[in-house]
Amino acid sequence: MRRYSLPQLKLQFLTISLVITSIFGCGSLIYPDVNVDPAKNNIATFRQDAIDCAKAYPVVDSGAHIKQRISCMNLKGWR
């Protein structure tokens, strides 16, 4: 059985924790695709609302635009 030193174990733990956090963190960013109003629940309205939100929140290096666009879509009734 191989023995690991304490710094190696800490590094492995941090690496595994980072991977797990990344997986769950990305999973929470689900882009809404169903509108609560049945009359607006169609592809054309979805595309127009998505374009409007994309124009309102342009791409930034930090990636904050993704959450802002999701919030914008939620305000327009998309869940």
PDB file of N, CA and C in Angstrom:
ATOM      1  N   MET A   1       0.837  -1.180   0.000  1.00  0.00           N
ATOM      2  CA  MET A   1       0.000   0.000   0.000  1.00  0.00           C
ATOM      3  C   MET A   1       0.882   1.243   0.000  1.00  0.00           C
ATOM      4  N   ARG A   2       0.558   2.172  -0.865  1.00  0.00           N
ATOM      5  CA  ARG A   2       1.350   3.387  -0.993  1.00  0.00           C
ATOM      6  C   ARG A   2       0.971   4.384   0.091  1.00  0.00           C
ATOM      7  N   ARG A   3       1.955   5.032   0.666  1.00  0.00           N
ATOM      8  CA  ARG A   3       1.710   6.041   1.697  1.00  0.00           C
ATOM      9  C   ARG A   3       1.906   7.422   1.092  1.00  0.00           C
ATOM     10  N   TYR A   4       0.986   8.307   1.402  1.00  0.00           N
ATOM     11  CA  TYR A   4       1.048   9.673   0.912  1.00  0.00           C
ATOM     12  C   TYR A   4       1.434  10.599   2.048  1.00  0.00           C
ATOM     13  N   SER A   5       2.157  11.637   1.709  1.00  0.00           N
ATOM     14  CA  SER A   5       2.492  12.639   2.719  1.00  0.00           C
ATOM     15  C   SER A   5       1.300  13.577   2.890  1.00  0.00           C
ATOM     16  N   LEU A   6       1.292  14.306   3.971  1.00  0.00           N
ATOM     17  CA  LEU A   6       0.187  15.216   4.268  1.00  0.00           C
ATOM     18  C   LEU A   6      -0.015  16.266   3.173  1.00  0.00           C
ATOM     19  N   PRO A   7       1.037  16.896   2.647  1.00  0.00           N
ATOM     20  CA  PRO A   7       0.816  17.860   1.551  1.00  0.00           C
ATOM     21  C   PRO A   7       0.200  17.223   0.305  1.00  0.00           C
ATOM     22  N   GLN A   8       0.589  15.971   0.007  1.00  0.00           N
ATOM     23  CA  GLN A   8       0.001  15.289  -1.153  1.00  0.00           C
ATOM     24  C   GLN A   8      -1.479  15.013  -0.926  1.00  0.00           C
ATOM     25  N   LEU A   9      -1.847  14.613   0.279  1.00  0.00           N
ATOM     26  CA  LEU A   9      -3.254  14.359   0.598  1.00  0.00           C
ATOM     27  C   LEU A   9      -4.075  15.636   0.522  1.00  0.00           C
ATOM     28  N   LYS A  10      -3.511  16.734   1.009  1.00  0.00           N
ATOM     29  CA  LYS A  10      -4.221  18.015   0.940  1.00  0.00           C
ATOM     30  C   LYS A  10      -4.457  18.424  -0.506  1.00  0.00           C
ATOM     31  N   LEU A  11      -3.439  18.240  -1.342  1.00  0.00           N
ATOM     32  CA  LEU A  11      -3.570  18.597  -2.754  1.00  0.00           C
ATOM     33  C   LEU A  11      -4.627  17.736  -3.437  1.00  0.00           C
ATOM     34  N   GLN A  12      -4.629  16.450  -3.152  1.00  0.00           N
ATOM     35  CA  GLN A  12      -5.638  15.565  -3.733  1.00  0.00           C
ATOM     36  C   GLN A  12      -7.032  15.951  -3.264  1.00  0.00           C
ATOM     37  N   PHE A  13      -7.176  16.254  -1.991  1.00  0.00           N
ATOM     38  CA  PHE A  13      -8.475  16.659  -1.454  1.00  0.00           C
ATOM     39  C   PHE A  13      -8.961  17.944  -2.110  1.00  0.00           C
ATOM     40  N   LEU A  14      -8.069  18.924  -2.253  1.00  0.00           N
ATOM     41  CA  LEU A  14      -8.450  20.185  -2.884  1.00  0.00           C
ATOM     42  C   LEU A  14      -8.829  19.986  -4.353  1.00  0.00           C
ATOM     43  N   THR A  15      -8.100  19.123  -5.040  1.00  0.00           N
ATOM     44  CA  THR A  15      -8.402  18.851  -6.446  1.00  0.00           C
ATOM     45  C   THR A  15      -9.773  18.196  -6.593  1.00  0.00           C
ATOM     46  N   ILE A  16     -10.046  17.203  -5.780  1.00  0.00           N
ATOM     47  CA  ILE A  16     -11.342  16.525  -5.829  1.00  0.00           C
ATOM     48  C   ILE A  16     -12.467  17.491  -5.454  1.00  0.00           C
ATOM     49  N   SER A  17     -12.239  18.314  -4.452  1.00  0.00           N
ATOM     50  CA  SER A  17     -13.250  19.292  -4.038  1.00  0.00           C
ATOM     51  C   SER A  17     -13.538  20.287  -5.154  1.00  0.00           C
ATOM     52  N   LEU A  18     -12.496  20.734  -5.837  1.00  0.00           N
ATOM     53  CA  LEU A  18     -12.672  21.681  -6.941  1.00  0.00           C
ATOM     54  C   LEU A  18     -13.474  21.065  -8.080  1.00  0.00           C
ATOM     55  N   VAL A  19     -13.189  19.832  -8.411  1.00  0.00           N
ATOM     56  CA  VAL A  19     -13.921  19.153  -9.485  1.00  0.00           C
ATOM     57  C   VAL A  19     -15.399  18.998  -9.117  1.00  0.00           C
ATOM     58  N   ILE A  20     -15.677  18.571  -7.911  1.00  0.00           N
ATOM     59  CA  ILE A  20     -17.065  18.383  -7.470  1.00  0.00           C
ATOM     60  C   ILE A  20     -17.804  19.714  -7.441  1.00  0.00           C
ATOM     61  N   THR A  21     -17.161  20.757  -6.939  1.00  0.00           N
ATOM     62  CA  THR A  21     -17.781  22.076  -6.891  1.00  0.00           C
ATOM     63  C   THR A  21     -18.070  22.593  -8.300  1.00  0.00           C
ATOM     64  N   SER A  22     -17.154  22.366  -9.229  1.00  0.00           N
ATOM     65  CA  SER A  22     -17.354  22.805 -10.609  1.00  0.00           C
ATOM     66  C   SER A  22     -18.541  22.102 -11.247  1.00  0.00           C
ATOM     67  N   ILE A  23     -18.661  20.816 -10.999  1.00  0.00           N
ATOM     68  CA  ILE A  23     -19.772  20.052 -11.584  1.00  0.00           C
ATOM     69  C   ILE A  23     -21.106  20.552 -11.055  1.00  0.00           C
ATOM     70  N   PHE A  24     -21.228  20.711  -9.748  1.00  0.00           N
ATOM     71  CA  PHE A  24     -22.490  21.169  -9.178  1.00  0.00           C
ATOM     72  C   PHE A  24     -22.744  22.640  -9.470  1.00  0.00           C
ATOM     73  N   GLY A  25     -21.706  23.435  -9.545  1.00  0.00           N
ATOM     74  CA  GLY A  25     -21.862  24.860  -9.847  1.00  0.00           C
ATOM     75  C   GLY A  25     -22.393  25.086 -11.245  1.00  0.00           C
ATOM     76  N   CYS A  26     -21.890  24.357 -12.199  1.00  0.00           N
ATOM     77  CA  CYS A  26     -22.353  24.500 -13.581  1.00  0.00           C
ATOM     78  C   CYS A  26     -23.751  23.923 -13.762  1.00  0.00           C
ATOM     79  N   GLY A  27     -24.077  22.933 -13.003  1.00  0.00           N
ATOM     80  CA  GLY A  27     -25.395  22.325 -13.106  1.00  0.00           C
ATOM     81  C   GLY A  27     -26.509  23.240 -12.656  1.00  0.00           C
ATOM     82  N   SER A  28     -26.199  24.226 -11.835  1.00  0.00           N
ATOM     83  CA  SER A  28     -27.239  25.117 -11.337  1.00  0.00           C
ATOM     84  C   SER A  28     -27.580  26.215 -12.345  1.00  0.00           C
ATOM     85  N   LEU A  29     -26.798  26.351 -13.407  1.00  0.00           N
ATOM     86  CA  LEU A  29     -27.042  27.378 -14.408  1.00  0.00           C
ATOM     87  C   LEU A  29     -27.825  26.804 -15.579  1.00  0.00           C
ATOM     88  N   ILE A  30     -29.049  26.460 -15.329  1.00  0.00           N
ATOM     89  CA  ILE A  30     -29.895  25.900 -16.373  1.00  0.00           C
ATOM     90  C   ILE A  30     -30.650  27.039 -17.044  1.00  0.00           C
ATOM     91  N   TYR A  31     -30.461  27.168 -18.343  1.00  0.00           N
ATOM     92  CA  TYR A  31     -31.107  28.245 -19.081  1.00  0.00           C
ATOM     93  C   TYR A  31     -32.601  27.951 -19.202  1.00  0.00           C
ATOM     94  N   PRO A  32     -33.438  28.893 -18.824  1.00  0.00           N
ATOM     95  CA  PRO A  32     -34.889  28.652 -18.859  1.00  0.00           C
ATOM     96  C   PRO A  32     -35.399  28.476 -20.291  1.00  0.00           C
ATOM     97  N   ASP A  33     -36.359  27.568 -20.460  1.00  0.00           N
ATOM     98  CA  ASP A  33     -36.862  27.311 -21.806  1.00  0.00           C
ATOM     99  C   ASP A  33     -38.378  27.141 -21.891  1.00  0.00           C
ATOM    100  N   VAL A  34     -39.088  27.317 -20.776  1.00  0.00           N
ATOM    101  CA  VAL A  34     -40.543  27.194 -20.776  1.00  0.00           C
ATOM    102  C   VAL A  34     -41.129  28.465 -20.174  1.00  0.00           C
ATOM    103  N   ASN A  35     -42.053  29.080 -20.899  1.00  0.00           N
ATOM    104  CA  ASN A  35     -42.681  30.304 -20.405  1.00  0.00           C
ATOM    105  C   ASN A  35     -43.952  29.956 -19.632  1.00  0.00           C
ATOM    106  N   VAL A  36     -44.206  30.740 -18.576  1.00  0.00           N
ATOM    107  CA  VAL A  36     -45.387  30.484 -17.759  1.00  0.00           C
ATOM    108  C   VAL A  36     -46.667  30.874 -18.498  1.00  0.00           C
ATOM    109  N   ASP A  37     -46.552  31.764 -19.485  1.00  0.00           N
ATOM    110  CA  ASP A  37     -47.700  32.164 -20.298  1.00  0.00           C
ATOM    111  C   ASP A  37     -47.759  31.258 -21.536  1.00  0.00           C
ATOM    112  N   PRO A  38     -48.792  30.418 -21.656  1.00  0.00           N
ATOM    113  CA  PRO A  38     -48.866  29.499 -22.800  1.00  0.00           C
ATOM    114  C   PRO A  38     -48.832  30.200 -24.160  1.00  0.00           C
ATOM    115  N   ALA A  39     -49.329  31.432 -24.231  1.00  0.00           N
ATOM    116  CA  ALA A  39     -49.339  32.155 -25.504  1.00  0.00           C
ATOM    117  C   ALA A  39     -47.919  32.546 -25.935  1.00  0.00           C
ATOM    118  N   LYS A  40     -47.017  32.702 -24.982  1.00  0.00           N
ATOM    119  CA  LYS A  40     -45.633  33.091 -25.287  1.00  0.00           C
ATOM    120  C   LYS A  40     -44.685  31.894 -25.328  1.00  0.00           C
ATOM    121  N   ASN A  41     -45.189  30.723 -25.084  1.00  0.00           N
ATOM    122  CA  ASN A  41     -44.354  29.528 -25.013  1.00  0.00           C
ATOM    123  C   ASN A  41     -44.134  28.953 -26.411  1.00  0.00           C
ATOM    124  N   ASN A  42     -43.337  29.670 -27.229  1.00  0.00           N
ATOM    125  CA  ASN A  42     -43.016  29.210 -28.577  1.00  0.00           C
ATOM    126  C   ASN A  42     -41.594  29.632 -28.933  1.00  0.00           C
ATOM    127  N   ILE A  43     -41.068  29.054 -29.978  1.00  0.00           N
ATOM    128  CA  ILE A  43     -39.678  29.278 -30.372  1.00  0.00           C
ATOM    129  C   ILE A  43     -39.415  30.734 -30.746  1.00  0.00           C
ATOM    130  N   ALA A  44     -40.317  31.344 -31.483  1.00  0.00           N
ATOM    131  CA  ALA A  44     -40.099  32.717 -31.943  1.00  0.00           C
ATOM    132  C   ALA A  44     -39.982  33.687 -30.765  1.00  0.00           C
ATOM    133  N   THR A  45     -40.872  33.564 -29.798  1.00  0.00           N
ATOM    134  CA  THR A  45     -40.828  34.435 -28.621  1.00  0.00           C
ATOM    135  C   THR A  45     -39.570  34.146 -27.797  1.00  0.00           C
ATOM    136  N   PHE A  46     -39.223  32.870 -27.663  1.00  0.00           N
ATOM    137  CA  PHE A  46     -38.024  32.507 -26.918  1.00  0.00           C
ATOM    138  C   PHE A  46     -36.787  33.133 -27.548  1.00  0.00           C
ATOM    139  N   ARG A  47     -36.659  33.003 -28.856  1.00  0.00           N
ATOM    140  CA  ARG A  47     -35.486  33.561 -29.546  1.00  0.00           C
ATOM    141  C   ARG A  47     -35.413  35.069 -29.386  1.00  0.00           C
ATOM    142  N   GLN A  48     -36.552  35.750 -29.530  1.00  0.00           N
ATOM    143  CA  GLN A  48     -36.553  37.206 -29.404  1.00  0.00           C
ATOM    144  C   GLN A  48     -36.178  37.635 -27.989  1.00  0.00           C
ATOM    145  N   ASP A  49     -36.737  36.969 -26.986  1.00  0.00           N
ATOM    146  CA  ASP A  49     -36.399  37.299 -25.596  1.00  0.00           C
ATOM    147  C   ASP A  49     -34.936  37.001 -25.305  1.00  0.00           C
ATOM    148  N   ALA A  50     -34.413  35.896 -25.837  1.00  0.00           N
ATOM    149  CA  ALA A  50     -33.002  35.555 -25.625  1.00  0.00           C
ATOM    150  C   ALA A  50     -32.086  36.591 -26.278  1.00  0.00           C
ATOM    151  N   ILE A  51     -32.454  37.060 -27.462  1.00  0.00           N
ATOM    152  CA  ILE A  51     -31.672  38.092 -28.146  1.00  0.00           C
ATOM    153  C   ILE A  51     -31.713  39.394 -27.351  1.00  0.00           C
ATOM    154  N   ASP A  52     -32.892  39.763 -26.858  1.00  0.00           N
ATOM    155  CA  ASP A  52     -33.021  40.985 -26.056  1.00  0.00           C
ATOM    156  C   ASP A  52     -32.135  40.929 -24.809  1.00  0.00           C
ATOM    157  N   CYS A  53     -32.143  39.787 -24.129  1.00  0.00           N
ATOM    158  CA  CYS A  53     -31.327  39.632 -22.921  1.00  0.00           C
ATOM    159  C   CYS A  53     -29.839  39.626 -23.261  1.00  0.00           C
ATOM    160  N   ALA A  54     -29.478  39.032 -24.396  1.00  0.00           N
ATOM    161  CA  ALA A  54     -28.075  39.010 -24.809  1.00  0.00           C
ATOM    162  C   ALA A  54     -27.584  40.414 -25.141  1.00  0.00           C
ATOM    163  N   LYS A  55     -28.443  41.223 -25.750  1.00  0.00           N
ATOM    164  CA  LYS A  55     -28.058  42.604 -26.050  1.00  0.00           C
ATOM    165  C   LYS A  55     -27.942  43.427 -24.776  1.00  0.00           C
ATOM    166  N   ALA A  56     -28.814  43.168 -23.803  1.00  0.00           N
ATOM    167  CA  ALA A  56     -28.792  43.922 -22.546  1.00  0.00           C
ATOM    168  C   ALA A  56     -27.578  43.565 -21.698  1.00  0.00           C
ATOM    169  N   TYR A  57     -27.101  42.316 -21.804  1.00  0.00           N
ATOM    170  CA  TYR A  57     -25.968  41.850 -20.998  1.00  0.00           C
ATOM    171  C   TYR A  57     -24.918  41.217 -21.904  1.00  0.00           C
ATOM    172  N   PRO A  58     -24.006  42.041 -22.455  1.00  0.00           N
ATOM    173  CA  PRO A  58     -22.975  41.507 -23.348  1.00  0.00           C
ATOM    174  C   PRO A  58     -21.978  40.617 -22.592  1.00  0.00           C
ATOM    175  N   VAL A  59     -21.209  39.864 -23.335  1.00  0.00           N
ATOM    176  CA  VAL A  59     -20.242  38.918 -22.765  1.00  0.00           C
ATOM    177  C   VAL A  59     -19.154  39.674 -22.007  1.00  0.00           C
ATOM    178  N   VAL A  60     -18.848  39.183 -20.795  1.00  0.00           N
ATOM    179  CA  VAL A  60     -17.739  39.707 -19.998  1.00  0.00           C
ATOM    180  C   VAL A  60     -16.818  38.543 -19.638  1.00  0.00           C
ATOM    181  N   ASP A  61     -15.557  38.847 -19.379  1.00  0.00           N
ATOM    182  CA  ASP A  61     -14.565  37.803 -19.113  1.00  0.00           C
ATOM    183  C   ASP A  61     -14.877  36.979 -17.876  1.00  0.00           C
ATOM    184  N   SER A  62     -15.521  37.579 -16.884  1.00  0.00           N
ATOM    185  CA  SER A  62     -15.783  36.865 -15.632  1.00  0.00           C
ATOM    186  C   SER A  62     -16.906  35.838 -15.775  1.00  0.00           C
ATOM    187  N   GLY A  63     -17.718  35.954 -16.814  1.00  0.00           N
ATOM    188  CA  GLY A  63     -18.824  35.027 -17.012  1.00  0.00           C
ATOM    189  C   GLY A  63     -20.097  35.441 -16.301  1.00  0.00           C
ATOM    190  N   ALA A  64     -20.101  36.616 -15.695  1.00  0.00           N
ATOM    191  CA  ALA A  64     -21.271  37.094 -14.959  1.00  0.00           C
ATOM    192  C   ALA A  64     -22.470  37.317 -15.876  1.00  0.00           C
ATOM    193  N   HIS A  65     -22.234  37.501 -17.164  1.00  0.00           N
ATOM    194  CA  HIS A  65     -23.332  37.740 -18.103  1.00  0.00           C
ATOM    195  C   HIS A  65     -24.295  36.554 -18.176  1.00  0.00           C
ATOM    196  N   ILE A  66     -23.816  35.359 -17.878  1.00  0.00           N
ATOM    197  CA  ILE A  66     -24.681  34.175 -17.968  1.00  0.00           C
ATOM    198  C   ILE A  66     -25.790  34.243 -16.925  1.00  0.00           C
ATOM    199  N   LYS A  67     -25.420  34.528 -15.672  1.00  0.00           N
ATOM    200  CA  LYS A  67     -26.432  34.637 -14.619  1.00  0.00           C
ATOM    201  C   LYS A  67     -27.362  35.812 -14.887  1.00  0.00           C
ATOM    202  N   GLN A  68     -26.820  36.905 -15.405  1.00  0.00           N
ATOM    203  CA  GLN A  68     -27.649  38.063 -15.708  1.00  0.00           C
ATOM    204  C   GLN A  68     -28.657  37.759 -16.809  1.00  0.00           C
ATOM    205  N   ARG A  69     -28.231  37.022 -17.807  1.00  0.00           N
ATOM    206  CA  ARG A  69     -29.156  36.657 -18.893  1.00  0.00           C
ATOM    207  C   ARG A  69     -30.236  35.708 -18.395  1.00  0.00           C
ATOM    208  N   ILE A  70     -29.871  34.773 -17.524  1.00  0.00           N
ATOM    209  CA  ILE A  70     -30.866  33.862 -16.961  1.00  0.00           C
ATOM    210  C   ILE A  70     -31.875  34.641 -16.136  1.00  0.00           C
ATOM    211  N   SER A  71     -31.418  35.597 -15.348  1.00  0.00           N
ATOM    212  CA  SER A  71     -32.321  36.434 -14.550  1.00  0.00           C
ATOM    213  C   SER A  71     -33.225  37.257 -15.461  1.00  0.00           C
ATOM    214  N   CYS A  72     -32.680  37.765 -16.549  1.00  0.00           N
ATOM    215  CA  CYS A  72     -33.461  38.527 -17.510  1.00  0.00           C
ATOM    216  C   CYS A  72     -34.566  37.662 -18.119  1.00  0.00           C
ATOM    217  N   MET A  73     -34.230  36.437 -18.474  1.00  0.00           N
ATOM    218  CA  MET A  73     -35.229  35.519 -19.030  1.00  0.00           C
ATOM    219  C   MET A  73     -36.285  35.178 -17.995  1.00  0.00           C
ATOM    220  N   ASN A  74     -35.882  35.022 -16.734  1.00  0.00           N
ATOM    221  CA  ASN A  74     -36.847  34.763 -15.666  1.00  0.00           C
ATOM    222  C   ASN A  74     -37.822  35.920 -15.515  1.00  0.00           C
ATOM    223  N   LEU A  75     -37.338  37.157 -15.648  1.00  0.00           N
ATOM    224  CA  LEU A  75     -38.210  38.325 -15.567  1.00  0.00           C
ATOM    225  C   LEU A  75     -39.225  38.356 -16.725  1.00  0.00           C
ATOM    226  N   LYS A  76     -38.841  37.791 -17.860  1.00  0.00           N
ATOM    227  CA  LYS A  76     -39.731  37.748 -19.011  1.00  0.00           C
ATOM    228  C   LYS A  76     -40.699  36.564 -18.942  1.00  0.00           C
ATOM    229  N   GLY A  77     -40.631  35.781 -17.861  1.00  0.00           N
ATOM    230  CA  GLY A  77     -41.580  34.684 -17.662  1.00  0.00           C
ATOM    231  C   GLY A  77     -41.062  33.305 -17.985  1.00  0.00           C
ATOM    232  N   TRP A  78     -39.799  33.210 -18.377  1.00  0.00           N
ATOM    233  CA  TRP A  78     -39.228  31.912 -18.746  1.00  0.00           C
ATOM    234  C   TRP A  78     -38.714  31.218 -17.491  1.00  0.00           C
ATOM    235  N   ARG A  79     -38.998  29.951 -17.360  1.00  0.00           N
ATOM    236  CA  ARG A  79     -38.556  29.159 -16.198  1.00  0.00           C
ATOM    237  C   ARG A  79     -37.845  27.924 -16.639  1.00  0.00           C
TER     238      ARG A  79
END
